[in-house]
Amino acid sequence: MTENKNITAIEALQRLRAGNKRFTSDVRSLESLLSHTRRTELAEDGQRPCAVILGCSDSRVPAETVFDQGIGDLFVIRVAGNIVAPSQVGSIEFAAEHFGARLVVVLGHSHCGAIDATIDQLENPGKSTSIGIQSIVDRVRPSVETLLSAGLHGCELAHAAVRANVRSSVDKLRHGSALLEHLVEQDGMLIVGAEYNLSSGVVDFFEGLPAGFKDTESI
């Protein structure tokens, strides 16, 4: 696997896209398959992940597998609905400051339970839920409310809500942390949004890509 030290955000993005292409082709790189052999090296020398992934807790979306990466390659934060709360911000800041990661990917996915729960509550006001689940719904709610006001319903609403929620999380990371904002403006950090399709396995990077970015499998 490509050495992660000093890898740029663009190189990391290219690497993730190439890994996802392998995944959707039912191919795995030898490096990722044998990454467990790096356990001792990582324990002694520390980690240098090439990217931070803020993804959903859904068991069908394991980031290392989806991007065909191995042990030590990704700094993964998983929370239902890929929402942004202070603990997630702090975790990303830690990875950026201490490990040098310069790519952050907010990874949503199709058929997201957190999105469905939010839509259900908005369409059925008064329906009770636990305090914990409500805290997630409350963070997703603003994105969905806007779409409901625009007249979207059913599958169209669910799909648009997944992407709106990703965009919201990206925006919160870009503007909710002085450290991350500085790294974006001064040190080449990219904070991008993507959606994983459960059926096809394809990750579509749709938010925050740099102008003129070209897909490649060379990294």
C-alpha atoms as a PDB file:
ATOM      1  CA  MET A   1       0.000   0.000   0.000  1.00  0.00           C
ATOM      2  CA  THR A   2       1.230   3.511  -0.789  1.00  0.00           C
ATOM      3  CA  GLU A   3       3.091   5.127   2.106  1.00  0.00           C
ATOM      4  CA  ASN A   4       0.691   7.483   3.866  1.00  0.00           C
ATOM      5  CA  LYS A   5       3.202   9.974   5.220  1.00  0.00           C
ATOM      6  CA  ASN A   6       2.736  13.457   3.746  1.00  0.00           C
ATOM      7  CA  ILE A   7       0.088  12.258   1.286  1.00  0.00           C
ATOM      8  CA  THR A   8      -1.905  15.195  -0.102  1.00  0.00           C
ATOM      9  CA  ALA A   9      -5.682  15.487  -0.030  1.00  0.00           C
ATOM     10  CA  ILE A  10      -5.868  15.009  -3.811  1.00  0.00           C
ATOM     11  CA  GLU A  11      -3.675  11.909  -3.680  1.00  0.00           C
ATOM     12  CA  ALA A  12      -5.800  10.506  -0.865  1.00  0.00           C
ATOM     13  CA  LEU A  13      -8.989  11.185  -2.809  1.00  0.00           C
ATOM     14  CA  GLN A  14      -7.589   9.464  -5.895  1.00  0.00           C
ATOM     15  CA  ARG A  15      -6.559   6.531  -3.758  1.00  0.00           C
ATOM     16  CA  LEU A  16     -10.028   6.135  -2.260  1.00  0.00           C
ATOM     17  CA  ARG A  17     -11.686   6.319  -5.664  1.00  0.00           C
ATOM     18  CA  ALA A  18      -9.316   3.706  -7.062  1.00  0.00           C
ATOM     19  CA  GLY A  19      -9.980   1.478  -4.048  1.00  0.00           C
ATOM     20  CA  ASN A  20     -13.729   1.780  -4.501  1.00  0.00           C
ATOM     21  CA  LYS A  21     -13.366   0.807  -8.170  1.00  0.00           C
ATOM     22  CA  ARG A  22     -11.570  -2.353  -7.065  1.00  0.00           C
ATOM     23  CA  PHE A  23     -14.302  -3.051  -4.508  1.00  0.00           C
ATOM     24  CA  THR A  24     -17.104  -2.737  -7.054  1.00  0.00           C
ATOM     25  CA  SER A  25     -15.149  -5.039  -9.377  1.00  0.00           C
ATOM     26  CA  ASP A  26     -14.895  -7.663  -6.594  1.00  0.00           C
ATOM     27  CA  VAL A  27     -11.129  -7.249  -6.475  1.00  0.00           C
ATOM     28  CA  ARG A  28      -8.910  -6.531  -3.475  1.00  0.00           C
ATOM     29  CA  SER A  29      -5.347  -5.289  -3.542  1.00  0.00           C
ATOM     30  CA  LEU A  30      -2.683  -7.565  -2.119  1.00  0.00           C
ATOM     31  CA  GLU A  31      -1.544  -4.737   0.161  1.00  0.00           C
ATOM     32  CA  SER A  32      -4.922  -4.386   1.863  1.00  0.00           C
ATOM     33  CA  LEU A  33      -5.291  -8.142   2.239  1.00  0.00           C
ATOM     34  CA  LEU A  34      -1.883  -8.396   3.890  1.00  0.00           C
ATOM     35  CA  SER A  35      -2.152  -5.201   5.918  1.00  0.00           C
ATOM     36  CA  HIS A  36      -2.419  -7.214   9.140  1.00  0.00           C
ATOM     37  CA  THR A  37       1.312  -7.863   8.776  1.00  0.00           C
ATOM     38  CA  ARG A  38       1.834  -4.187   9.625  1.00  0.00           C
ATOM     39  CA  ARG A  39       0.457  -4.560  13.150  1.00  0.00           C
ATOM     40  CA  THR A  40       3.840  -4.456  14.857  1.00  0.00           C
ATOM     41  CA  GLU A  41       5.057  -1.599  12.676  1.00  0.00           C
ATOM     42  CA  LEU A  42       1.973   0.485  13.438  1.00  0.00           C
ATOM     43  CA  ALA A  43       2.139  -0.293  17.151  1.00  0.00           C
ATOM     44  CA  GLU A  44       5.756   0.889  17.314  1.00  0.00           C
ATOM     45  CA  ASP A  45       5.783   3.769  14.833  1.00  0.00           C
ATOM     46  CA  GLY A  46       2.263   5.135  15.180  1.00  0.00           C
ATOM     47  CA  GLN A  47      -0.374   5.779  12.550  1.00  0.00           C
ATOM     48  CA  ARG A  48      -0.452   8.008   9.468  1.00  0.00           C
ATOM     49  CA  PRO A  49      -3.917   7.469   7.950  1.00  0.00           C
ATOM     50  CA  CYS A  50      -4.346   8.878   4.459  1.00  0.00           C
ATOM     51  CA  ALA A  51      -7.879  10.120   5.137  1.00  0.00           C
ATOM     52  CA  VAL A  52     -10.547  10.647   7.787  1.00  0.00           C
ATOM     53  CA  ILE A  53     -13.941   9.091   7.110  1.00  0.00           C
ATOM     54  CA  LEU A  54     -16.995  10.354   8.983  1.00  0.00           C
ATOM     55  CA  GLY A  55     -19.487   7.655   8.111  1.00  0.00           C
ATOM     56  CA  CYS A  56     -22.732   6.129   9.282  1.00  0.00           C
ATOM     57  CA  SER A  57     -22.803   3.284  11.806  1.00  0.00           C
ATOM     58  CA  ASP A  58     -24.755   1.115   9.348  1.00  0.00           C
ATOM     59  CA  SER A  59     -23.181  -2.358   9.344  1.00  0.00           C
ATOM     60  CA  ARG A  60     -23.412  -2.496   5.549  1.00  0.00           C
ATOM     61  CA  VAL A  61     -20.976   0.388   5.048  1.00  0.00           C
ATOM     62  CA  PRO A  62     -17.545  -0.604   6.436  1.00  0.00           C
ATOM     63  CA  ALA A  63     -15.222   2.126   5.164  1.00  0.00           C
ATOM     64  CA  GLU A  64     -12.026   0.072   4.936  1.00  0.00           C
ATOM     65  CA  THR A  65     -13.798  -2.549   2.813  1.00  0.00           C
ATOM     66  CA  VAL A  66     -15.682  -0.062   0.629  1.00  0.00           C
ATOM     67  CA  PHE A  67     -12.432   1.727  -0.214  1.00  0.00           C
ATOM     68  CA  ASP A  68     -10.240  -1.409  -0.225  1.00  0.00           C
ATOM     69  CA  GLN A  69      -7.884  -0.082   2.436  1.00  0.00           C
ATOM     70  CA  GLY A  70      -6.041  -1.898   5.174  1.00  0.00           C
ATOM     71  CA  ILE A  71      -5.055  -1.531   8.803  1.00  0.00           C
ATOM     72  CA  GLY A  72      -3.742   1.954   9.529  1.00  0.00           C
ATOM     73  CA  ASP A  73      -4.921   3.488   6.251  1.00  0.00           C
ATOM     74  CA  LEU A  74      -8.109   5.231   7.389  1.00  0.00           C
ATOM     75  CA  PHE A  75      -9.157   7.119  10.519  1.00  0.00           C
ATOM     76  CA  VAL A  76     -12.814   6.133  10.732  1.00  0.00           C
ATOM     77  CA  ILE A  77     -15.519   7.795  12.826  1.00  0.00           C
ATOM     78  CA  ARG A  78     -18.932   6.140  12.661  1.00  0.00           C
ATOM     79  CA  VAL A  79     -22.157   7.554  14.030  1.00  0.00           C
ATOM     80  CA  ALA A  80     -25.756   7.024  12.979  1.00  0.00           C
ATOM     81  CA  GLY A  81     -26.645   9.461  10.219  1.00  0.00           C
ATOM     82  CA  ASN A  82     -23.014  10.609   9.812  1.00  0.00           C
ATOM     83  CA  ILE A  83     -23.983  13.630  11.923  1.00  0.00           C
ATOM     84  CA  VAL A  84     -21.586  16.237  13.274  1.00  0.00           C
ATOM     85  CA  ALA A  85     -21.469  16.767  17.035  1.00  0.00           C
ATOM     86  CA  PRO A  86     -18.609  18.164  19.158  1.00  0.00           C
ATOM     87  CA  SER A  87     -17.055  14.739  19.744  1.00  0.00           C
ATOM     88  CA  GLN A  88     -16.884  14.076  15.999  1.00  0.00           C
ATOM     89  CA  VAL A  89     -15.325  17.479  15.353  1.00  0.00           C
ATOM     90  CA  GLY A  90     -12.752  16.849  18.063  1.00  0.00           C
ATOM     91  CA  SER A  91     -11.881  13.434  16.640  1.00  0.00           C
ATOM     92  CA  ILE A  92     -11.303  14.901  13.179  1.00  0.00           C
ATOM     93  CA  GLU A  93      -9.231  17.741  14.617  1.00  0.00           C
ATOM     94  CA  PHE A  94      -7.115  15.165  16.456  1.00  0.00           C
ATOM     95  CA  ALA A  95      -6.487  13.141  13.285  1.00  0.00           C
ATOM     96  CA  ALA A  96      -5.586  16.263  11.333  1.00  0.00           C
ATOM     97  CA  GLU A  97      -3.321  17.752  13.972  1.00  0.00           C
ATOM     98  CA  HIS A  98      -1.543  14.636  15.215  1.00  0.00           C
ATOM     99  CA  PHE A  99      -1.542  12.323  12.197  1.00  0.00           C
ATOM    100  CA  GLY A 100      -1.401  14.779   9.312  1.00  0.00           C
ATOM    101  CA  ALA A 101      -4.569  13.634   7.516  1.00  0.00           C
ATOM    102  CA  ARG A 102      -5.589  16.225   4.937  1.00  0.00           C
ATOM    103  CA  LEU A 103      -8.686  14.592   3.440  1.00  0.00           C
ATOM    104  CA  VAL A 104     -11.980  14.334   5.311  1.00  0.00           C
ATOM    105  CA  VAL A 105     -14.857  12.430   3.692  1.00  0.00           C
ATOM    106  CA  VAL A 106     -18.400  12.635   5.038  1.00  0.00           C
ATOM    107  CA  LEU A 107     -19.853   9.344   3.793  1.00  0.00           C
ATOM    108  CA  GLY A 108     -23.628   8.954   3.662  1.00  0.00           C
ATOM    109  CA  HIS A 109     -25.422   6.035   2.084  1.00  0.00           C
ATOM    110  CA  SER A 110     -28.669   4.986   0.462  1.00  0.00           C
ATOM    111  CA  HIS A 111     -31.508   3.632   2.634  1.00  0.00           C
ATOM    112  CA  CYS A 112     -30.146   5.344   5.740  1.00  0.00           C
ATOM    113  CA  GLY A 113     -32.103   4.501   8.896  1.00  0.00           C
ATOM    114  CA  ALA A 114     -31.384   7.862  10.510  1.00  0.00           C
ATOM    115  CA  ILE A 115     -32.806   9.648   7.481  1.00  0.00           C
ATOM    116  CA  ASP A 116     -35.867   7.381   7.429  1.00  0.00           C
ATOM    117  CA  ALA A 117     -36.450   7.934  11.158  1.00  0.00           C
ATOM    118  CA  THR A 118     -36.312  11.696  10.676  1.00  0.00           C
ATOM    119  CA  ILE A 119     -38.721  11.617   7.746  1.00  0.00           C
ATOM    120  CA  ASP A 120     -41.081   9.372   9.698  1.00  0.00           C
ATOM    121  CA  GLN A 121     -41.115  11.740  12.673  1.00  0.00           C
ATOM    122  CA  LEU A 122     -41.717  14.802  10.511  1.00  0.00           C
ATOM    123  CA  GLU A 123     -44.541  13.091   8.635  1.00  0.00           C
ATOM    124  CA  ASN A 124     -46.010  11.711  11.866  1.00  0.00           C
ATOM    125  CA  PRO A 125     -45.641  14.488  14.449  1.00  0.00           C
ATOM    126  CA  GLY A 126     -46.074  13.473  18.041  1.00  0.00           C
ATOM    127  CA  LYS A 127     -44.521  10.050  17.570  1.00  0.00           C
ATOM    128  CA  SER A 128     -42.328   9.361  20.587  1.00  0.00           C
ATOM    129  CA  THR A 129     -38.796   8.002  20.564  1.00  0.00           C
ATOM    130  CA  SER A 130     -35.858   7.658  22.953  1.00  0.00           C
ATOM    131  CA  ILE A 131     -33.800  10.662  24.016  1.00  0.00           C
ATOM    132  CA  GLY A 132     -30.733   9.246  22.298  1.00  0.00           C
ATOM    133  CA  ILE A 133     -32.444   8.654  18.959  1.00  0.00           C
ATOM    134  CA  GLN A 134     -34.111  12.047  19.209  1.00  0.00           C
ATOM    135  CA  SER A 135     -30.701  13.708  19.514  1.00  0.00           C
ATOM    136  CA  ILE A 136     -29.725  12.217  16.149  1.00  0.00           C
ATOM    137  CA  VAL A 137     -33.035  13.088  14.508  1.00  0.00           C
ATOM    138  CA  ASP A 138     -32.752  16.688  15.719  1.00  0.00           C
ATOM    139  CA  ARG A 139     -29.422  17.087  13.899  1.00  0.00           C
ATOM    140  CA  VAL A 140     -30.795  15.613  10.668  1.00  0.00           C
ATOM    141  CA  ARG A 141     -34.150  17.418  10.848  1.00  0.00           C
ATOM    142  CA  PRO A 142     -33.193  20.824   9.319  1.00  0.00           C
ATOM    143  CA  SER A 143     -32.023  19.232   6.055  1.00  0.00           C
ATOM    144  CA  VAL A 144     -35.189  17.153   5.716  1.00  0.00           C
ATOM    145  CA  GLU A 145     -37.564  19.961   6.684  1.00  0.00           C
ATOM    146  CA  THR A 146     -36.285  22.079   3.810  1.00  0.00           C
ATOM    147  CA  LEU A 147     -36.963  19.286   1.334  1.00  0.00           C
ATOM    148  CA  LEU A 148     -40.449  18.643   2.700  1.00  0.00           C
ATOM    149  CA  SER A 149     -41.207  22.332   2.292  1.00  0.00           C
ATOM    150  CA  ALA A 150     -40.147  21.997  -1.349  1.00  0.00           C
ATOM    151  CA  GLY A 151     -42.772  19.283  -1.858  1.00  0.00           C
ATOM    152  CA  LEU A 152     -40.565  16.199  -2.071  1.00  0.00           C
ATOM    153  CA  HIS A 153     -41.964  12.846  -0.937  1.00  0.00           C
ATOM    154  CA  GLY A 154     -41.211   9.116  -0.989  1.00  0.00           C
ATOM    155  CA  CYS A 155     -38.033   7.806  -2.596  1.00  0.00           C
ATOM    156  CA  GLU A 156     -37.222  11.200  -4.079  1.00  0.00           C
ATOM    157  CA  LEU A 157     -37.328  12.746  -0.618  1.00  0.00           C
ATOM    158  CA  ALA A 158     -35.208   9.993   0.956  1.00  0.00           C
ATOM    159  CA  HIS A 159     -32.505  10.235  -1.713  1.00  0.00           C
ATOM    160  CA  ALA A 160     -32.370  14.021  -1.601  1.00  0.00           C
ATOM    161  CA  ALA A 161     -32.317  13.948   2.209  1.00  0.00           C
ATOM    162  CA  VAL A 162     -29.258  11.686   2.299  1.00  0.00           C
ATOM    163  CA  ARG A 163     -27.339  14.172   0.172  1.00  0.00           C
ATOM    164  CA  ALA A 164     -28.665  17.237   1.964  1.00  0.00           C
ATOM    165  CA  ASN A 165     -27.616  15.715   5.281  1.00  0.00           C
ATOM    166  CA  VAL A 166     -24.120  14.996   3.943  1.00  0.00           C
ATOM    167  CA  ARG A 167     -23.820  18.568   2.680  1.00  0.00           C
ATOM    168  CA  SER A 168     -24.927  19.861   6.059  1.00  0.00           C
ATOM    169  CA  SER A 169     -22.266  17.820   7.842  1.00  0.00           C
ATOM    170  CA  VAL A 170     -19.596  18.980   5.398  1.00  0.00           C
ATOM    171  CA  ASP A 171     -20.597  22.600   5.997  1.00  0.00           C
ATOM    172  CA  LYS A 172     -20.511  22.163   9.767  1.00  0.00           C
ATOM    173  CA  LEU A 173     -16.999  20.747   9.603  1.00  0.00           C
ATOM    174  CA  ARG A 174     -15.760  23.477   7.291  1.00  0.00           C
ATOM    175  CA  HIS A 175     -17.168  26.296   9.409  1.00  0.00           C
ATOM    176  CA  GLY A 176     -17.548  24.830  12.900  1.00  0.00           C
ATOM    177  CA  SER A 177     -13.867  24.403  13.721  1.00  0.00           C
ATOM    178  CA  ALA A 178     -11.213  27.113  13.620  1.00  0.00           C
ATOM    179  CA  LEU A 179      -8.524  24.457  13.217  1.00  0.00           C
ATOM    180  CA  LEU A 180     -10.183  22.709  10.280  1.00  0.00           C
ATOM    181  CA  GLU A 181     -11.075  26.029   8.645  1.00  0.00           C
ATOM    182  CA  HIS A 182      -7.416  27.077   8.876  1.00  0.00           C
ATOM    183  CA  LEU A 183      -6.216  23.794   7.375  1.00  0.00           C
ATOM    184  CA  VAL A 184      -8.673  24.143   4.480  1.00  0.00           C
ATOM    185  CA  GLU A 185      -7.583  27.701   3.759  1.00  0.00           C
ATOM    186  CA  GLN A 186      -3.858  27.389   4.421  1.00  0.00           C
ATOM    187  CA  ASP A 187      -2.730  23.766   4.278  1.00  0.00           C
ATOM    188  CA  GLY A 188      -4.554  22.010   1.467  1.00  0.00           C
ATOM    189  CA  MET A 189      -7.179  20.156   3.479  1.00  0.00           C
ATOM    190  CA  LEU A 190     -10.239  18.970   1.583  1.00  0.00           C
ATOM    191  CA  ILE A 191     -13.577  18.223   3.275  1.00  0.00           C
ATOM    192  CA  VAL A 192     -15.792  16.433   0.776  1.00  0.00           C
ATOM    193  CA  GLY A 193     -19.146  14.668   0.757  1.00  0.00           C
ATOM    194  CA  ALA A 194     -20.003  11.305  -0.777  1.00  0.00           C
ATOM    195  CA  GLU A 195     -22.821   8.783  -0.967  1.00  0.00           C
ATOM    196  CA  TYR A 196     -22.415   5.012  -0.924  1.00  0.00           C
ATOM    197  CA  ASN A 197     -24.983   3.028  -2.894  1.00  0.00           C
ATOM    198  CA  LEU A 198     -25.836  -0.143  -0.978  1.00  0.00           C
ATOM    199  CA  SER A 199     -26.889  -2.004  -4.133  1.00  0.00           C
ATOM    200  CA  SER A 200     -24.022  -1.149  -6.496  1.00  0.00           C
ATOM    201  CA  GLY A 201     -21.240  -0.550  -3.984  1.00  0.00           C
ATOM    202  CA  VAL A 202     -20.313   2.667  -5.783  1.00  0.00           C
ATOM    203  CA  VAL A 203     -19.209   5.718  -3.809  1.00  0.00           C
ATOM    204  CA  ASP A 204     -20.239   8.939  -5.537  1.00  0.00           C
ATOM    205  CA  PHE A 205     -18.179  11.945  -4.437  1.00  0.00           C
ATOM    206  CA  PHE A 206     -20.549  14.828  -5.085  1.00  0.00           C
ATOM    207  CA  GLU A 207     -19.706  17.653  -2.685  1.00  0.00           C
ATOM    208  CA  GLY A 208     -16.583  19.781  -2.318  1.00  0.00           C
ATOM    209  CA  LEU A 209     -14.435  18.301  -5.089  1.00  0.00           C
ATOM    210  CA  PRO A 210     -11.744  20.679  -6.349  1.00  0.00           C
ATOM    211  CA  ALA A 211     -12.328  22.221  -9.764  1.00  0.00           C
ATOM    212  CA  GLY A 212     -10.981  20.063 -12.581  1.00  0.00           C
ATOM    213  CA  PHE A 213     -10.502  16.979 -10.411  1.00  0.00           C
ATOM    214  CA  LYS A 214      -9.982  13.917 -12.569  1.00  0.00           C
ATOM    215  CA  ASP A 215     -10.752  10.369 -11.546  1.00  0.00           C
ATOM    216  CA  THR A 216      -7.765   8.045 -11.695  1.00  0.00           C
ATOM    217  CA  GLU A 217      -6.730   4.588 -10.589  1.00  0.00           C
ATOM    218  CA  SER A 218      -3.028   5.366 -10.463  1.00  0.00           C
ATOM    219  CA  ILE A 219      -2.697   6.002  -6.728  1.00  0.00           C
END
